[in-house]
Amino acid sequence: MSDSSEYVPPKVWKWENESGGKFANINRPIAGSTHDKELPEGKHPLQLYSLGTPNGIKVTILLEELLALGHEGAEYDAFIINIGEGEQFGSGFVEINPNSKIPALLDKSTDPSTRVFESAAIMLYLAEKFQEFIPNEASARAECMSWLFWQMGSAPYLGGGFGHFYAYAPEKFEYPINRFAMEVKRQLDVLDKNLSSRQYLCGDDYNISDIAVHSWYGSLVLNNIYESAEFLDVASYENVVRWAKEITDRPAYKRGSRVNRPWMSDGIAERHDSTDLD
């Protein structure tokens, strides 16, 4: 890799397989499947194909919250998709998500079955399907949607920007680390100021925006992701830390955050029945 001060972009960019650091073997500039592989199907109406990343746990936590409220139709099978091995490029997965990113959901309770991809789209679909964790009043709903899509627009700066250059890039460069650290700290300040006068992001009620934002920013302030807690001084965002701890203490959070996470001491690779988490 050339030093940043000497690099001159070519007139036409070309793909170099060896570039990309830790994820070079799975990142590519083209879409579509690389191999034929059908997806397994379980017995429940909802089939989830995912991995317990910050994006993946959003859906399993929401599903466990719905089940805790007694919605039997929210029963689900969660199959693991090993993105490190390129399983997201299998033909069956690409049929459900042409973008080849986890999570992806197949709802077999509809005729024909409904595919949903992108974590926020899945959360919104489930919240509307069961009429839970989403406000009905117009202004409150708009606030919820604003924070939900704030997360979708902001997290790439945290994961793909800061996380990549601070933790995963083959070399460390001051400019991108400073650029993305500044933006992540600005985002934390946005959250901290909002939560200074609210229990949850939208007020008194916990909803899908809290689940979505917590998966990234709650994990950041509590779990030292990218080993960056000291570098970012996350403890100084006291309102975010308080909010994050309250959500982490929810029983459904504890259950959902264990799914598709075999690397955790109490995690499970797949979930096909509620007893798998008991």
C-alpha atoms as a PDB file:
ATOM      1  CA  MET A   1       0.000   0.000   0.000  1.00  0.00           C
ATOM      2  CA  SER A   2       1.346   3.408  -0.945  1.00  0.00           C
ATOM      3  CA  ASP A   3       1.816   6.154   1.589  1.00  0.00           C
ATOM      4  CA  SER A   4      -1.219   8.446   1.555  1.00  0.00           C
ATOM      5  CA  SER A   5       0.936  11.478   0.760  1.00  0.00           C
ATOM      6  CA  GLU A   6       2.213   9.797  -2.414  1.00  0.00           C
ATOM      7  CA  TYR A   7      -0.964   8.153  -3.662  1.00  0.00           C
ATOM      8  CA  VAL A   8      -2.432   9.531  -6.880  1.00  0.00           C
ATOM      9  CA  PRO A   9      -5.773   7.987  -7.918  1.00  0.00           C
ATOM     10  CA  PRO A  10      -5.677   6.369 -11.352  1.00  0.00           C
ATOM     11  CA  LYS A  11      -7.975   7.635 -14.095  1.00  0.00           C
ATOM     12  CA  VAL A  12      -9.932   4.363 -13.893  1.00  0.00           C
ATOM     13  CA  TRP A  13     -10.147   2.409 -10.637  1.00  0.00           C
ATOM     14  CA  LYS A  14      -9.438  -1.333 -10.859  1.00  0.00           C
ATOM     15  CA  TRP A  15     -10.182  -4.021  -8.324  1.00  0.00           C
ATOM     16  CA  GLU A  16      -7.142  -5.404  -6.511  1.00  0.00           C
ATOM     17  CA  ASN A  17      -8.061  -8.534  -4.552  1.00  0.00           C
ATOM     18  CA  GLU A  18      -5.315  -8.042  -2.024  1.00  0.00           C
ATOM     19  CA  SER A  19      -6.623  -4.644  -0.876  1.00  0.00           C
ATOM     20  CA  GLY A  20      -9.140  -4.132   1.894  1.00  0.00           C
ATOM     21  CA  GLY A  21      -7.370  -5.355   5.022  1.00  0.00           C
ATOM     22  CA  LYS A  22      -9.131  -7.886   7.242  1.00  0.00           C
ATOM     23  CA  PHE A  23     -12.175  -8.209   4.987  1.00  0.00           C
ATOM     24  CA  ALA A  24     -10.395  -8.336   1.626  1.00  0.00           C
ATOM     25  CA  ASN A  25     -11.571 -11.899   0.984  1.00  0.00           C
ATOM     26  CA  ILE A  26     -15.287 -11.015   1.150  1.00  0.00           C
ATOM     27  CA  ASN A  27     -15.396  -7.463  -0.233  1.00  0.00           C
ATOM     28  CA  ARG A  28     -15.853  -7.100  -3.974  1.00  0.00           C
ATOM     29  CA  PRO A  29     -17.164  -4.461  -6.386  1.00  0.00           C
ATOM     30  CA  ILE A  30     -19.744  -6.712  -8.056  1.00  0.00           C
ATOM     31  CA  ALA A  31     -23.097  -8.109  -6.944  1.00  0.00           C
ATOM     32  CA  GLY A  32     -24.674 -11.537  -7.287  1.00  0.00           C
ATOM     33  CA  SER A  33     -23.997 -15.056  -6.083  1.00  0.00           C
ATOM     34  CA  THR A  34     -20.640 -16.803  -6.230  1.00  0.00           C
ATOM     35  CA  HIS A  35     -21.937 -20.328  -5.659  1.00  0.00           C
ATOM     36  CA  ASP A  36     -25.115 -22.379  -5.531  1.00  0.00           C
ATOM     37  CA  LYS A  37     -26.423 -23.001  -2.047  1.00  0.00           C
ATOM     38  CA  GLU A  38     -30.037 -23.318  -0.984  1.00  0.00           C
ATOM     39  CA  LEU A  39     -31.086 -21.877   2.342  1.00  0.00           C
ATOM     40  CA  PRO A  40     -32.433 -24.147   5.072  1.00  0.00           C
ATOM     41  CA  GLU A  41     -35.968 -23.608   6.352  1.00  0.00           C
ATOM     42  CA  GLY A  42     -37.412 -24.272   9.787  1.00  0.00           C
ATOM     43  CA  LYS A  43     -40.894 -24.772  11.148  1.00  0.00           C
ATOM     44  CA  HIS A  44     -41.834 -21.228  12.142  1.00  0.00           C
ATOM     45  CA  PRO A  45     -43.536 -18.466  10.107  1.00  0.00           C
ATOM     46  CA  LEU A  46     -40.447 -16.241  10.233  1.00  0.00           C
ATOM     47  CA  GLN A  47     -37.131 -17.389   8.825  1.00  0.00           C
ATOM     48  CA  LEU A  48     -34.152 -15.225   9.727  1.00  0.00           C
ATOM     49  CA  TYR A  49     -30.765 -15.573   8.070  1.00  0.00           C
ATOM     50  CA  SER A  50     -28.238 -13.554   9.990  1.00  0.00           C
ATOM     51  CA  LEU A  51     -25.157 -13.227  12.170  1.00  0.00           C
ATOM     52  CA  GLY A  52     -24.908 -11.637  15.605  1.00  0.00           C
ATOM     53  CA  THR A  53     -23.307  -8.408  14.440  1.00  0.00           C
ATOM     54  CA  PRO A  54     -24.682  -5.035  15.548  1.00  0.00           C
ATOM     55  CA  ASN A  55     -27.000  -5.136  12.534  1.00  0.00           C
ATOM     56  CA  GLY A  56     -27.996  -8.746  13.107  1.00  0.00           C
ATOM     57  CA  ILE A  57     -28.975  -8.490  16.766  1.00  0.00           C
ATOM     58  CA  LYS A  58     -31.437  -5.672  16.070  1.00  0.00           C
ATOM     59  CA  VAL A  59     -33.863  -8.197  14.604  1.00  0.00           C
ATOM     60  CA  THR A  60     -33.433 -11.002  17.148  1.00  0.00           C
ATOM     61  CA  ILE A  61     -33.873  -8.557  20.033  1.00  0.00           C
ATOM     62  CA  LEU A  62     -37.065  -7.191  18.463  1.00  0.00           C
ATOM     63  CA  LEU A  63     -38.385 -10.709  17.871  1.00  0.00           C
ATOM     64  CA  GLU A  64     -37.712 -11.664  21.485  1.00  0.00           C
ATOM     65  CA  GLU A  65     -39.460  -8.477  22.628  1.00  0.00           C
ATOM     66  CA  LEU A  66     -42.504  -9.415  20.509  1.00  0.00           C
ATOM     67  CA  LEU A  67     -42.534 -12.944  21.901  1.00  0.00           C
ATOM     68  CA  ALA A  68     -42.314 -11.554  25.435  1.00  0.00           C
ATOM     69  CA  LEU A  69     -45.546  -9.666  24.723  1.00  0.00           C
ATOM     70  CA  GLY A  70     -47.247 -12.909  23.710  1.00  0.00           C
ATOM     71  CA  HIS A  71     -47.182 -12.638  19.913  1.00  0.00           C
ATOM     72  CA  GLU A  72     -47.004 -16.296  18.870  1.00  0.00           C
ATOM     73  CA  GLY A  73     -46.717 -15.270  15.216  1.00  0.00           C
ATOM     74  CA  ALA A  74     -43.294 -13.841  15.994  1.00  0.00           C
ATOM     75  CA  GLU A  75     -41.825 -17.309  16.519  1.00  0.00           C
ATOM     76  CA  TYR A  76     -38.796 -17.646  14.329  1.00  0.00           C
ATOM     77  CA  ASP A  77     -35.955 -19.809  13.120  1.00  0.00           C
ATOM     78  CA  ALA A  78     -32.605 -18.015  13.098  1.00  0.00           C
ATOM     79  CA  PHE A  79     -30.027 -19.595  10.815  1.00  0.00           C
ATOM     80  CA  ILE A  80     -26.448 -18.389  10.957  1.00  0.00           C
ATOM     81  CA  ILE A  81     -24.815 -16.877   7.879  1.00  0.00           C
ATOM     82  CA  ASN A  82     -21.033 -16.928   8.198  1.00  0.00           C
ATOM     83  CA  ILE A  83     -20.047 -13.777   6.338  1.00  0.00           C
ATOM     84  CA  GLY A  84     -16.363 -14.479   6.914  1.00  0.00           C
ATOM     85  CA  GLU A  85     -16.758 -17.591   4.763  1.00  0.00           C
ATOM     86  CA  GLY A  86     -18.770 -15.786   2.099  1.00  0.00           C
ATOM     87  CA  GLU A  87     -22.066 -17.556   2.814  1.00  0.00           C
ATOM     88  CA  GLN A  88     -23.921 -14.324   2.036  1.00  0.00           C
ATOM     89  CA  PHE A  89     -23.012 -14.885  -1.610  1.00  0.00           C
ATOM     90  CA  GLY A  90     -24.821 -18.216  -1.844  1.00  0.00           C
ATOM     91  CA  SER A  91     -27.607 -18.302  -4.430  1.00  0.00           C
ATOM     92  CA  GLY A  92     -30.359 -18.885  -1.868  1.00  0.00           C
ATOM     93  CA  PHE A  93     -29.324 -15.934   0.257  1.00  0.00           C
ATOM     94  CA  VAL A  94     -28.962 -13.638  -2.753  1.00  0.00           C
ATOM     95  CA  GLU A  95     -32.540 -14.485  -3.727  1.00  0.00           C
ATOM     96  CA  ILE A  96     -33.705 -13.007  -0.418  1.00  0.00           C
ATOM     97  CA  ASN A  97     -31.191 -10.166  -0.311  1.00  0.00           C
ATOM     98  CA  PRO A  98     -29.641  -9.109  -3.637  1.00  0.00           C
ATOM     99  CA  ASN A  99     -27.318  -6.839  -1.632  1.00  0.00           C
ATOM    100  CA  SER A 100     -25.694  -9.873   0.073  1.00  0.00           C
ATOM    101  CA  LYS A 101     -25.719  -8.363   3.562  1.00  0.00           C
ATOM    102  CA  ILE A 102     -27.141  -9.775   6.783  1.00  0.00           C
ATOM    103  CA  PRO A 103     -29.782  -9.809   8.128  1.00  0.00           C
ATOM    104  CA  ALA A 104     -32.438 -11.086   5.717  1.00  0.00           C
ATOM    105  CA  LEU A 105     -35.950 -12.249   6.634  1.00  0.00           C
ATOM    106  CA  LEU A 106     -38.454 -14.520   4.912  1.00  0.00           C
ATOM    107  CA  ASP A 107     -42.046 -14.321   6.172  1.00  0.00           C
ATOM    108  CA  LYS A 108     -43.795 -17.562   5.210  1.00  0.00           C
ATOM    109  CA  SER A 109     -47.093 -16.506   6.798  1.00  0.00           C
ATOM    110  CA  THR A 110     -47.925 -14.521   3.653  1.00  0.00           C
ATOM    111  CA  ASP A 111     -48.862 -15.938   0.247  1.00  0.00           C
ATOM    112  CA  PRO A 112     -46.519 -15.678  -1.501  1.00  0.00           C
ATOM    113  CA  SER A 113     -43.770 -15.462   1.099  1.00  0.00           C
ATOM    114  CA  THR A 114     -42.418 -11.978   1.772  1.00  0.00           C
ATOM    115  CA  ARG A 115     -38.714 -11.227   1.666  1.00  0.00           C
ATOM    116  CA  VAL A 116     -37.339  -8.289   3.631  1.00  0.00           C
ATOM    117  CA  PHE A 117     -33.750  -7.093   3.671  1.00  0.00           C
ATOM    118  CA  GLU A 118     -31.916  -4.226   5.410  1.00  0.00           C
ATOM    119  CA  SER A 119     -32.173  -4.247   9.198  1.00  0.00           C
ATOM    120  CA  ALA A 120     -34.308  -1.105   9.498  1.00  0.00           C
ATOM    121  CA  ALA A 121     -36.728  -2.397   6.857  1.00  0.00           C
ATOM    122  CA  ILE A 122     -37.056  -5.687   8.751  1.00  0.00           C
ATOM    123  CA  MET A 123     -37.656  -3.897  12.053  1.00  0.00           C
ATOM    124  CA  LEU A 124     -40.255  -1.603  10.513  1.00  0.00           C
ATOM    125  CA  TYR A 125     -41.960  -4.563   8.816  1.00  0.00           C
ATOM    126  CA  LEU A 126     -42.196  -6.510  12.077  1.00  0.00           C
ATOM    127  CA  ALA A 127     -43.272  -3.501  14.148  1.00  0.00           C
ATOM    128  CA  GLU A 128     -46.086  -2.755  11.705  1.00  0.00           C
ATOM    129  CA  LYS A 129     -47.050  -6.412  11.363  1.00  0.00           C
ATOM    130  CA  PHE A 130     -47.545  -6.800  15.114  1.00  0.00           C
ATOM    131  CA  GLN A 131     -48.353  -3.159  15.934  1.00  0.00           C
ATOM    132  CA  GLU A 132     -45.761  -2.977  18.658  1.00  0.00           C
ATOM    133  CA  PHE A 133     -42.742  -0.771  19.395  1.00  0.00           C
ATOM    134  CA  ILE A 134     -43.833   1.843  16.868  1.00  0.00           C
ATOM    135  CA  PRO A 135     -46.014   4.857  17.685  1.00  0.00           C
ATOM    136  CA  ASN A 136     -49.353   5.342  15.945  1.00  0.00           C
ATOM    137  CA  GLU A 137     -49.692   9.099  16.490  1.00  0.00           C
ATOM    138  CA  ALA A 138     -48.227  10.981  13.518  1.00  0.00           C
ATOM    139  CA  SER A 139     -45.716  13.202  15.330  1.00  0.00           C
ATOM    140  CA  ALA A 140     -44.490  10.421  17.607  1.00  0.00           C
ATOM    141  CA  ARG A 141     -44.173   8.082  14.629  1.00  0.00           C
ATOM    142  CA  ALA A 142     -42.156  10.686  12.730  1.00  0.00           C
ATOM    143  CA  GLU A 143     -39.789  11.034  15.707  1.00  0.00           C
ATOM    144  CA  CYS A 144     -39.326   7.269  15.813  1.00  0.00           C
ATOM    145  CA  MET A 145     -38.641   7.119  12.070  1.00  0.00           C
ATOM    146  CA  SER A 146     -36.186   9.995  12.345  1.00  0.00           C
ATOM    147  CA  TRP A 147     -34.071   8.242  14.967  1.00  0.00           C
ATOM    148  CA  LEU A 148     -34.331   4.889  13.178  1.00  0.00           C
ATOM    149  CA  PHE A 149     -33.005   6.352   9.957  1.00  0.00           C
ATOM    150  CA  TRP A 150     -30.501   8.489  11.846  1.00  0.00           C
ATOM    151  CA  GLN A 151     -28.968   5.206  12.934  1.00  0.00           C
ATOM    152  CA  MET A 152     -28.934   3.807   9.402  1.00  0.00           C
ATOM    153  CA  GLY A 153     -27.186   6.911   8.120  1.00  0.00           C
ATOM    154  CA  SER A 154     -24.813   7.333  11.058  1.00  0.00           C
ATOM    155  CA  ALA A 155     -23.566   3.816  11.819  1.00  0.00           C
ATOM    156  CA  PRO A 156     -21.508   3.514   8.603  1.00  0.00           C
ATOM    157  CA  TYR A 157     -19.303   6.299   9.989  1.00  0.00           C
ATOM    158  CA  LEU A 158     -18.857   4.274  13.171  1.00  0.00           C
ATOM    159  CA  GLY A 159     -18.352   0.799  11.689  1.00  0.00           C
ATOM    160  CA  GLY A 160     -17.206   1.259   8.134  1.00  0.00           C
ATOM    161  CA  GLY A 161     -15.349   4.483   8.851  1.00  0.00           C
ATOM    162  CA  PHE A 162     -13.941   4.704  12.354  1.00  0.00           C
ATOM    163  CA  GLY A 163     -13.951   0.972  13.085  1.00  0.00           C
ATOM    164  CA  HIS A 164     -12.286   0.089   9.826  1.00  0.00           C
ATOM    165  CA  PHE A 165      -9.460   2.603   9.983  1.00  0.00           C
ATOM    166  CA  TYR A 166      -8.905   2.390  13.756  1.00  0.00           C
ATOM    167  CA  ALA A 167      -9.117  -1.388  14.177  1.00  0.00           C
ATOM    168  CA  TYR A 168      -9.056  -3.261  10.860  1.00  0.00           C
ATOM    169  CA  ALA A 169      -7.098  -1.400   8.191  1.00  0.00           C
ATOM    170  CA  PRO A 170      -3.718  -2.971   7.374  1.00  0.00           C
ATOM    171  CA  GLU A 171      -2.035   0.338   8.213  1.00  0.00           C
ATOM    172  CA  LYS A 172      -3.048   3.198  10.494  1.00  0.00           C
ATOM    173  CA  PHE A 173      -3.257   6.698   9.066  1.00  0.00           C
ATOM    174  CA  GLU A 174      -3.894   9.796  11.142  1.00  0.00           C
ATOM    175  CA  TYR A 175      -6.218  11.612   8.765  1.00  0.00           C
ATOM    176  CA  PRO A 176      -9.009   8.999   8.390  1.00  0.00           C
ATOM    177  CA  ILE A 177      -8.844   8.037  12.073  1.00  0.00           C
ATOM    178  CA  ASN A 178      -9.166  11.681  13.133  1.00  0.00           C
ATOM    179  CA  ARG A 179     -11.891  12.341  10.569  1.00  0.00           C
ATOM    180  CA  PHE A 180     -14.091   9.443  11.648  1.00  0.00           C
ATOM    181  CA  ALA A 181     -13.327   9.755  15.374  1.00  0.00           C
ATOM    182  CA  MET A 182     -14.522  13.347  15.215  1.00  0.00           C
ATOM    183  CA  GLU A 183     -17.771  12.281  13.537  1.00  0.00           C
ATOM    184  CA  VAL A 184     -18.415   9.414  15.960  1.00  0.00           C
ATOM    185  CA  LYS A 185     -17.915  11.726  18.928  1.00  0.00           C
ATOM    186  CA  ARG A 186     -20.287  14.244  17.352  1.00  0.00           C
ATOM    187  CA  GLN A 187     -22.883  11.477  17.001  1.00  0.00           C
ATOM    188  CA  LEU A 188     -22.416  10.449  20.624  1.00  0.00           C
ATOM    189  CA  ASP A 189     -22.921  14.073  21.621  1.00  0.00           C
ATOM    190  CA  VAL A 190     -26.146  14.201  19.585  1.00  0.00           C
ATOM    191  CA  LEU A 191     -27.414  11.171  21.482  1.00  0.00           C
ATOM    192  CA  ASP A 192     -26.216  12.430  24.838  1.00  0.00           C
ATOM    193  CA  LYS A 193     -27.964  15.775  24.465  1.00  0.00           C
ATOM    194  CA  ASN A 194     -31.196  14.119  23.321  1.00  0.00           C
ATOM    195  CA  LEU A 195     -31.144  11.643  26.201  1.00  0.00           C
ATOM    196  CA  SER A 196     -30.457  14.341  28.787  1.00  0.00           C
ATOM    197  CA  SER A 197     -34.195  15.062  28.916  1.00  0.00           C
ATOM    198  CA  ARG A 198     -35.639  11.733  27.751  1.00  0.00           C
ATOM    199  CA  GLN A 199     -35.576   8.213  29.126  1.00  0.00           C
ATOM    200  CA  TYR A 200     -35.549   6.778  25.620  1.00  0.00           C
ATOM    201  CA  LEU A 201     -34.738   8.311  22.261  1.00  0.00           C
ATOM    202  CA  CYS A 202     -38.309   9.414  21.579  1.00  0.00           C
ATOM    203  CA  GLY A 203     -39.455  10.079  25.139  1.00  0.00           C
ATOM    204  CA  ASP A 204     -41.017   7.748  27.693  1.00  0.00           C
ATOM    205  CA  ASP A 205     -41.632   4.793  25.404  1.00  0.00           C
ATOM    206  CA  TYR A 206     -39.099   2.227  24.208  1.00  0.00           C
ATOM    207  CA  ASN A 207     -39.393   1.521  20.476  1.00  0.00           C
ATOM    208  CA  ILE A 208     -37.577   0.169  17.438  1.00  0.00           C
ATOM    209  CA  SER A 209     -35.350   3.230  17.190  1.00  0.00           C
ATOM    210  CA  ASP A 210     -33.876   2.434  20.615  1.00  0.00           C
ATOM    211  CA  ILE A 211     -33.178  -1.152  19.589  1.00  0.00           C
ATOM    212  CA  ALA A 212     -31.513  -0.050  16.354  1.00  0.00           C
ATOM    213  CA  VAL A 213     -29.351   2.693  17.847  1.00  0.00           C
ATOM    214  CA  HIS A 214     -28.414   0.621  20.891  1.00  0.00           C
ATOM    215  CA  SER A 215     -27.017  -2.173  18.726  1.00  0.00           C
ATOM    216  CA  TRP A 216     -24.217   0.157  17.620  1.00  0.00           C
ATOM    217  CA  TYR A 217     -23.894   2.979  20.114  1.00  0.00           C
ATOM    218  CA  GLY A 218     -24.959   1.103  23.216  1.00  0.00           C
ATOM    219  CA  SER A 219     -22.401  -1.546  22.330  1.00  0.00           C
ATOM    220  CA  LEU A 220     -19.816   1.160  21.760  1.00  0.00           C
ATOM    221  CA  VAL A 221     -20.173   2.730  25.206  1.00  0.00           C
ATOM    222  CA  LEU A 222     -20.624  -0.520  27.161  1.00  0.00           C
ATOM    223  CA  ASN A 223     -18.639  -3.191  25.355  1.00  0.00           C
ATOM    224  CA  ASN A 224     -15.508  -1.383  24.176  1.00  0.00           C
ATOM    225  CA  ILE A 225     -16.039  -2.340  20.540  1.00  0.00           C
ATOM    226  CA  TYR A 226     -12.939  -1.781  18.407  1.00  0.00           C
ATOM    227  CA  GLU A 227     -11.117  -1.493  21.772  1.00  0.00           C
ATOM    228  CA  SER A 228     -11.782   2.216  21.477  1.00  0.00           C
ATOM    229  CA  ALA A 229     -13.552   3.135  24.734  1.00  0.00           C
ATOM    230  CA  GLU A 230     -10.607   5.063  26.155  1.00  0.00           C
ATOM    231  CA  PHE A 231      -9.673   6.619  22.813  1.00  0.00           C
ATOM    232  CA  LEU A 232     -13.209   7.984  22.322  1.00  0.00           C
ATOM    233  CA  ASP A 233     -13.743   8.731  26.040  1.00  0.00           C
ATOM    234  CA  VAL A 234     -17.156   7.047  25.856  1.00  0.00           C
ATOM    235  CA  ALA A 235     -17.687   7.244  29.642  1.00  0.00           C
ATOM    236  CA  SER A 236     -18.087  11.007  29.329  1.00  0.00           C
ATOM    237  CA  TYR A 237     -21.405  10.525  27.518  1.00  0.00           C
ATOM    238  CA  GLU A 238     -23.222   9.781  30.756  1.00  0.00           C
ATOM    239  CA  ASN A 239     -26.769   9.920  29.386  1.00  0.00           C
ATOM    240  CA  VAL A 240     -25.917   7.465  26.621  1.00  0.00           C
ATOM    241  CA  VAL A 241     -24.332   5.109  29.142  1.00  0.00           C
ATOM    242  CA  ARG A 242     -27.413   5.295  31.402  1.00  0.00           C
ATOM    243  CA  TRP A 243     -29.773   4.602  28.480  1.00  0.00           C
ATOM    244  CA  ALA A 244     -27.568   1.781  27.190  1.00  0.00           C
ATOM    245  CA  LYS A 245     -27.488   0.032  30.573  1.00  0.00           C
ATOM    246  CA  GLU A 246     -31.271   0.242  30.969  1.00  0.00           C
ATOM    247  CA  ILE A 247     -31.821  -1.455  27.619  1.00  0.00           C
ATOM    248  CA  THR A 248     -29.177  -4.101  28.278  1.00  0.00           C
ATOM    249  CA  ASP A 249     -31.054  -5.069  31.450  1.00  0.00           C
ATOM    250  CA  ARG A 250     -34.244  -5.925  29.546  1.00  0.00           C
ATOM    251  CA  PRO A 251     -34.866  -9.719  29.548  1.00  0.00           C
ATOM    252  CA  ALA A 252     -35.706  -9.756  25.821  1.00  0.00           C
ATOM    253  CA  TYR A 253     -32.487  -7.903  25.045  1.00  0.00           C
ATOM    254  CA  LYS A 254     -30.494 -10.486  26.963  1.00  0.00           C
ATOM    255  CA  ARG A 255     -32.146 -13.288  24.993  1.00  0.00           C
ATOM    256  CA  GLY A 256     -32.012 -11.729  21.548  1.00  0.00           C
ATOM    257  CA  SER A 257     -28.412 -10.589  21.849  1.00  0.00           C
ATOM    258  CA  ARG A 258     -27.275 -14.212  22.282  1.00  0.00           C
ATOM    259  CA  VAL A 259     -28.683 -15.473  18.969  1.00  0.00           C
ATOM    260  CA  ASN A 260     -26.326 -16.245  16.056  1.00  0.00           C
ATOM    261  CA  ARG A 261     -23.369 -15.533  18.342  1.00  0.00           C
ATOM    262  CA  PRO A 262     -21.559 -18.834  18.923  1.00  0.00           C
ATOM    263  CA  TRP A 263     -18.394 -16.985  19.955  1.00  0.00           C
ATOM    264  CA  MET A 264     -20.045 -15.765  23.168  1.00  0.00           C
ATOM    265  CA  SER A 265     -19.862 -17.866  26.308  1.00  0.00           C
ATOM    266  CA  ASP A 266     -23.666 -18.065  26.447  1.00  0.00           C
ATOM    267  CA  GLY A 267     -24.330 -17.471  22.759  1.00  0.00           C
ATOM    268  CA  ILE A 268     -26.023 -19.900  20.381  1.00  0.00           C
ATOM    269  CA  ALA A 269     -25.287 -20.447  16.701  1.00  0.00           C
ATOM    270  CA  GLU A 270     -28.926 -20.942  15.699  1.00  0.00           C
ATOM    271  CA  ARG A 271     -32.312 -20.534  17.320  1.00  0.00           C
ATOM    272  CA  HIS A 272     -35.284 -22.758  16.424  1.00  0.00           C
ATOM    273  CA  ASP A 273     -37.291 -22.815  19.637  1.00  0.00           C
ATOM    274  CA  SER A 274     -37.707 -20.598  22.693  1.00  0.00           C
ATOM    275  CA  THR A 275     -36.150 -23.335  24.819  1.00  0.00           C
ATOM    276  CA  ASP A 276     -32.884 -22.871  22.935  1.00  0.00           C
ATOM    277  CA  LEU A 277     -32.388 -19.742  25.044  1.00  0.00           C
ATOM    278  CA  ASP A 278     -33.719 -21.105  28.346  1.00  0.00           C
END
